[in-house]
Amino acid sequence: MNKFLILVIIKIFFFSEVIAATANCDNGECKFTNSNHYMSAKTYCLQNLNFEDVQTEFLYFTILRTNEKCNVFEIVR
């Protein structure tokens, strides 16, 4: 039982890594990797992003580096 608990603790602290969603955007057309909400979308944010870490929601995504929120007006699954 002790060995099992030790293995569980090791897994929780060392092997659990969250994979963030990344975005590649060009003039408002974005493609997302590892996103739970959409694979590609059109947005009002017109800056270019290359493999930028983002947090996706249903109606917008947030660029984690700048904390900028970009609204999405068309979702392509």
Protein backbone atom coordinates (compact mmCIF):
# COMPACT_ATOMS: atom_id res chain seq x y z
CA MET A 1 0.00 0.00 0.00
CA ASN A 2 2.87 2.36 0.79
CA LYS A 3 4.42 1.83 -2.63
CA PHE A 4 1.11 2.62 -4.31
CA LEU A 5 0.72 5.89 -2.40
CA ILE A 6 4.28 6.90 -3.20
CA LEU A 7 3.69 6.23 -6.91
CA VAL A 8 0.49 8.27 -6.88
CA ILE A 9 2.23 11.21 -5.21
CA ILE A 10 5.12 11.05 -7.69
CA LYS A 11 2.68 11.02 -10.60
CA ILE A 12 0.74 14.01 -9.27
CA PHE A 13 3.79 16.18 -8.62
CA PHE A 14 6.11 15.24 -11.45
CA PHE A 15 4.15 13.80 -14.36
CA SER A 16 0.97 15.88 -14.44
CA GLU A 17 1.59 18.66 -16.92
CA VAL A 18 -1.13 20.83 -18.38
CA ILE A 19 -0.94 21.30 -22.13
CA ALA A 20 -1.98 24.83 -23.01
CA ALA A 21 -3.81 25.71 -26.18
CA THR A 22 -1.72 27.56 -28.73
CA ALA A 23 -2.92 29.89 -31.46
CA ASN A 24 -1.57 30.80 -34.88
CA CYS A 25 -3.35 33.91 -36.17
CA ASP A 26 -3.01 35.96 -39.31
CA ASN A 27 -5.28 38.98 -39.88
CA GLY A 28 -8.10 37.67 -37.70
CA GLU A 29 -8.08 34.04 -38.90
CA CYS A 30 -6.78 31.73 -36.19
CA LYS A 31 -5.94 28.05 -35.98
CA PHE A 32 -5.71 26.46 -32.55
CA THR A 33 -3.78 23.48 -31.24
CA ASN A 34 -4.90 21.57 -28.12
CA SER A 35 -8.06 23.66 -27.74
CA ASN A 36 -11.18 22.10 -26.24
CA HIS A 37 -13.52 24.65 -27.85
CA TYR A 38 -12.54 25.05 -31.50
CA MET A 39 -9.89 24.18 -34.09
CA SER A 40 -10.08 27.40 -36.09
CA ALA A 41 -11.97 30.64 -35.73
CA LYS A 42 -12.29 34.18 -37.00
CA THR A 43 -11.77 37.02 -34.57
CA TYR A 44 -11.75 40.79 -34.42
CA CYS A 45 -8.14 40.82 -33.13
CA LEU A 46 -5.95 41.47 -36.16
CA GLN A 47 -2.45 40.90 -34.76
CA ASN A 48 -0.28 38.03 -35.96
CA LEU A 49 0.35 35.24 -33.45
CA ASN A 50 2.78 32.36 -33.87
CA PHE A 51 2.33 29.48 -31.43
CA GLU A 52 1.11 31.86 -28.74
CA ASP A 53 -0.28 30.31 -25.53
CA VAL A 54 -3.98 31.10 -25.16
CA GLN A 55 -6.89 30.17 -22.93
CA THR A 56 -10.01 29.43 -24.97
CA GLU A 57 -13.62 29.96 -23.97
CA PHE A 58 -16.77 29.54 -26.08
CA LEU A 59 -17.05 33.16 -27.27
CA TYR A 60 -13.49 34.46 -26.86
CA PHE A 61 -9.90 33.51 -26.19
CA THR A 62 -7.33 35.21 -23.99
CA ILE A 63 -3.71 35.67 -25.00
CA LEU A 64 -1.84 34.66 -21.85
CA ARG A 65 1.28 36.77 -22.45
CA THR A 66 -0.61 40.08 -22.79
CA ASN A 67 -3.92 39.18 -21.08
CA GLU A 68 -5.76 40.49 -24.17
CA LYS A 69 -9.26 39.10 -24.75
CA CYS A 70 -10.21 38.47 -28.40
CA ASN A 71 -13.88 37.92 -29.27
CA VAL A 72 -14.66 35.16 -31.75
CA PHE A 73 -17.42 35.72 -34.30
CA GLU A 74 -17.14 32.56 -36.42
CA ILE A 75 -16.13 29.09 -35.23
CA VAL A 76 -15.01 26.30 -37.55
CA ARG A 77 -14.76 22.86 -35.97
